[in-house]
Each structure stands twice: as C-alpha cells, then as structure tokens.
C-alpha cells in the first residue's frame, strides 16, 4: 500500500508540473511571445521604481492569428505534426522596424534606472 501511495503522489506531482508548464507555454503562444520577451515587457518594468507603462508586444496579432502563425493555418492539423510550415519570416505579423524596437527597449531600460 505504501508503494502504491508513493507512486500516486509522484504521478500527481509530475502531472501538476507538466500542466503548469503547458499552461505557461499556451499563454505565451496566445500572446506570441518568448519567455524572455515576457520578462522584458512585464516583469522588468514592474521591478523599477518608476513603474513604466505596459507596452503592447509588437508581434501580438490576436490570439487566433498568433496560434495560426505557430501551428499552421488549418486547426484540423494543429495536433498532427506532419504539415510543413508554409510561410516566410516576413509573414510573422507585426512590424519589421528595428529602430522602433530599440526605442521601446531603451525606454524600458531608462525607466529601470
């Protein structure tokens, strides 16, 4: 009975960890962000003294389109990893202006000082 209970506890712990990791990655997918971008936009400004305003992520094109940009156009094949990606790097949505991105990051960094 002790071995069965121990196994059950381990399974529950691993399931909770995997579910939270899945939830975090689903959240990032819906916002079209990496974890580093999420940190730069949300966590870093909140730790500064001046509390900079929230910056909208430049590649966030809406939840459904964000998922489509990663998983493909057809929702029917999202869970089947067999279709090749049919886009280009310019087809990711958002703006392709490096200067604007640098300006936003400088604003965030200056607010941290």
Protein backbone atom coordinates (compact mmCIF):
# COMPACT_ATOMS: atom_id res chain seq x y z
CA UNK A 1 0.00 0.00 0.00
CA UNK A 2 2.89 2.41 0.78
CA UNK A 3 4.47 1.83 -2.62
CA UNK A 4 1.16 2.48 -4.38
CA UNK A 5 0.58 5.68 -2.41
CA UNK A 6 4.12 6.89 -3.12
CA UNK A 7 3.68 6.21 -6.82
CA UNK A 8 0.37 8.07 -6.83
CA UNK A 9 1.95 11.09 -5.12
CA UNK A 10 4.77 11.18 -7.67
CA UNK A 11 2.30 10.91 -10.57
CA UNK A 12 0.17 13.74 -9.17
CA UNK A 13 3.22 15.98 -8.65
CA UNK A 14 4.54 15.34 -12.16
CA UNK A 15 1.09 15.91 -13.65
CA UNK A 16 0.77 19.26 -11.86
CA UNK A 17 4.22 20.35 -13.02
CA UNK A 18 3.55 19.38 -16.62
CA UNK A 19 0.11 21.03 -16.57
CA UNK A 20 1.57 24.29 -15.28
CA UNK A 21 4.33 24.17 -17.93
CA UNK A 22 1.74 23.53 -20.62
CA UNK A 23 -0.40 26.41 -19.34
CA UNK A 24 2.56 28.80 -19.35
CA UNK A 25 3.53 27.84 -22.90
CA UNK A 26 -0.09 28.14 -24.07
CA UNK A 27 -0.23 31.64 -22.55
CA UNK A 28 2.97 32.64 -24.35
CA UNK A 29 1.70 31.12 -27.60
CA UNK A 30 -1.53 33.11 -27.40
CA UNK A 31 0.45 36.32 -26.88
CA UNK A 32 3.12 35.39 -29.48
CA UNK A 33 5.97 35.85 -27.02
CA UNK A 34 9.03 34.07 -25.79
CA UNK A 35 9.70 33.86 -22.07
CA UNK A 36 12.48 36.47 -22.38
CA UNK A 37 10.16 38.90 -24.18
CA UNK A 38 7.53 38.34 -21.50
CA UNK A 39 10.10 39.15 -18.81
CA UNK A 40 11.23 42.30 -20.61
CA UNK A 41 7.69 43.58 -21.07
CA UNK A 42 6.00 42.58 -17.80
CA UNK A 43 8.45 41.71 -15.04
CA UNK A 44 11.35 44.11 -15.60
CA UNK A 45 9.26 47.34 -15.65
CA UNK A 46 7.34 46.31 -12.53
CA UNK A 47 10.59 45.99 -10.61
CA UNK A 48 11.70 49.51 -11.47
CA UNK A 49 11.00 52.47 -9.22
CA UNK A 50 9.16 54.48 -11.88
CA UNK A 51 6.67 51.76 -12.90
CA UNK A 52 6.77 52.20 -16.68
CA UNK A 53 3.53 51.86 -18.63
CA UNK A 54 2.63 48.50 -20.13
CA UNK A 55 3.97 48.06 -23.65
CA UNK A 56 1.97 46.04 -26.17
CA UNK A 57 4.10 43.32 -27.70
CA UNK A 58 4.76 44.20 -31.33
CA UNK A 59 4.18 40.69 -32.69
CA UNK A 60 0.85 40.14 -30.90
CA UNK A 61 -1.63 39.94 -33.78
CA UNK A 62 -4.57 38.45 -31.87
CA UNK A 63 -4.93 35.09 -30.13
CA UNK A 64 -6.23 33.08 -33.08
CA UNK A 65 -3.71 34.52 -35.56
CA UNK A 66 -0.88 34.02 -33.04
CA UNK A 67 -1.76 30.34 -32.78
CA UNK A 68 -2.06 30.09 -36.57
CA UNK A 69 1.37 31.65 -37.03
CA UNK A 70 2.92 28.84 -34.98
CA UNK A 71 0.65 25.85 -35.57
CA UNK A 72 -0.41 26.44 -39.19
CA UNK A 73 -3.46 27.76 -41.00
CA UNK A 74 -5.81 24.81 -40.52
CA UNK A 75 -6.96 23.99 -36.96
CA UNK A 76 -7.60 20.42 -38.09
CA UNK A 77 -3.88 19.68 -38.30
CA UNK A 78 -2.69 21.58 -35.22
CA UNK A 79 -2.23 18.40 -33.20
CA UNK A 80 -0.70 16.42 -36.08
CA UNK A 81 2.96 17.36 -36.59
CA UNK A 82 3.03 16.34 -40.25
CA UNK A 83 2.42 19.51 -42.27
CA UNK A 84 5.40 21.65 -43.29
CA UNK A 85 5.42 25.33 -42.42
CA UNK A 86 4.19 27.34 -45.39
CA UNK A 87 5.28 30.88 -44.67
CA UNK A 88 8.24 33.18 -44.69
CA UNK A 89 9.98 35.06 -41.94
CA UNK A 90 8.31 38.26 -43.15
CA UNK A 91 4.90 36.60 -42.71
CA UNK A 92 5.01 36.63 -38.90
CA UNK A 93 2.91 39.72 -38.37
CA UNK A 94 3.94 42.80 -36.52
CA UNK A 95 6.28 45.48 -37.75
CA UNK A 96 9.75 44.87 -39.12
CA UNK A 97 11.24 48.09 -37.80
CA UNK A 98 14.29 47.50 -35.64
CA UNK A 99 14.54 51.17 -34.71
CA UNK A 100 11.10 51.15 -33.07
CA UNK A 101 12.02 48.05 -31.07
CA UNK A 102 15.28 49.62 -29.92
CA UNK A 103 13.40 52.78 -28.92
CA UNK A 104 10.91 50.77 -26.83
CA UNK A 105 13.67 48.78 -25.12
CA UNK A 106 15.65 51.98 -24.35
CA UNK A 107 12.52 53.45 -22.78
CA UNK A 108 12.10 50.34 -20.64
CA UNK A 109 15.75 50.34 -19.60
CA UNK A 110 15.78 54.05 -18.77
CA UNK A 111 12.72 53.61 -16.57
CA UNK A 112 14.59 50.97 -14.57
CA UNK A 113 17.34 53.43 -13.58
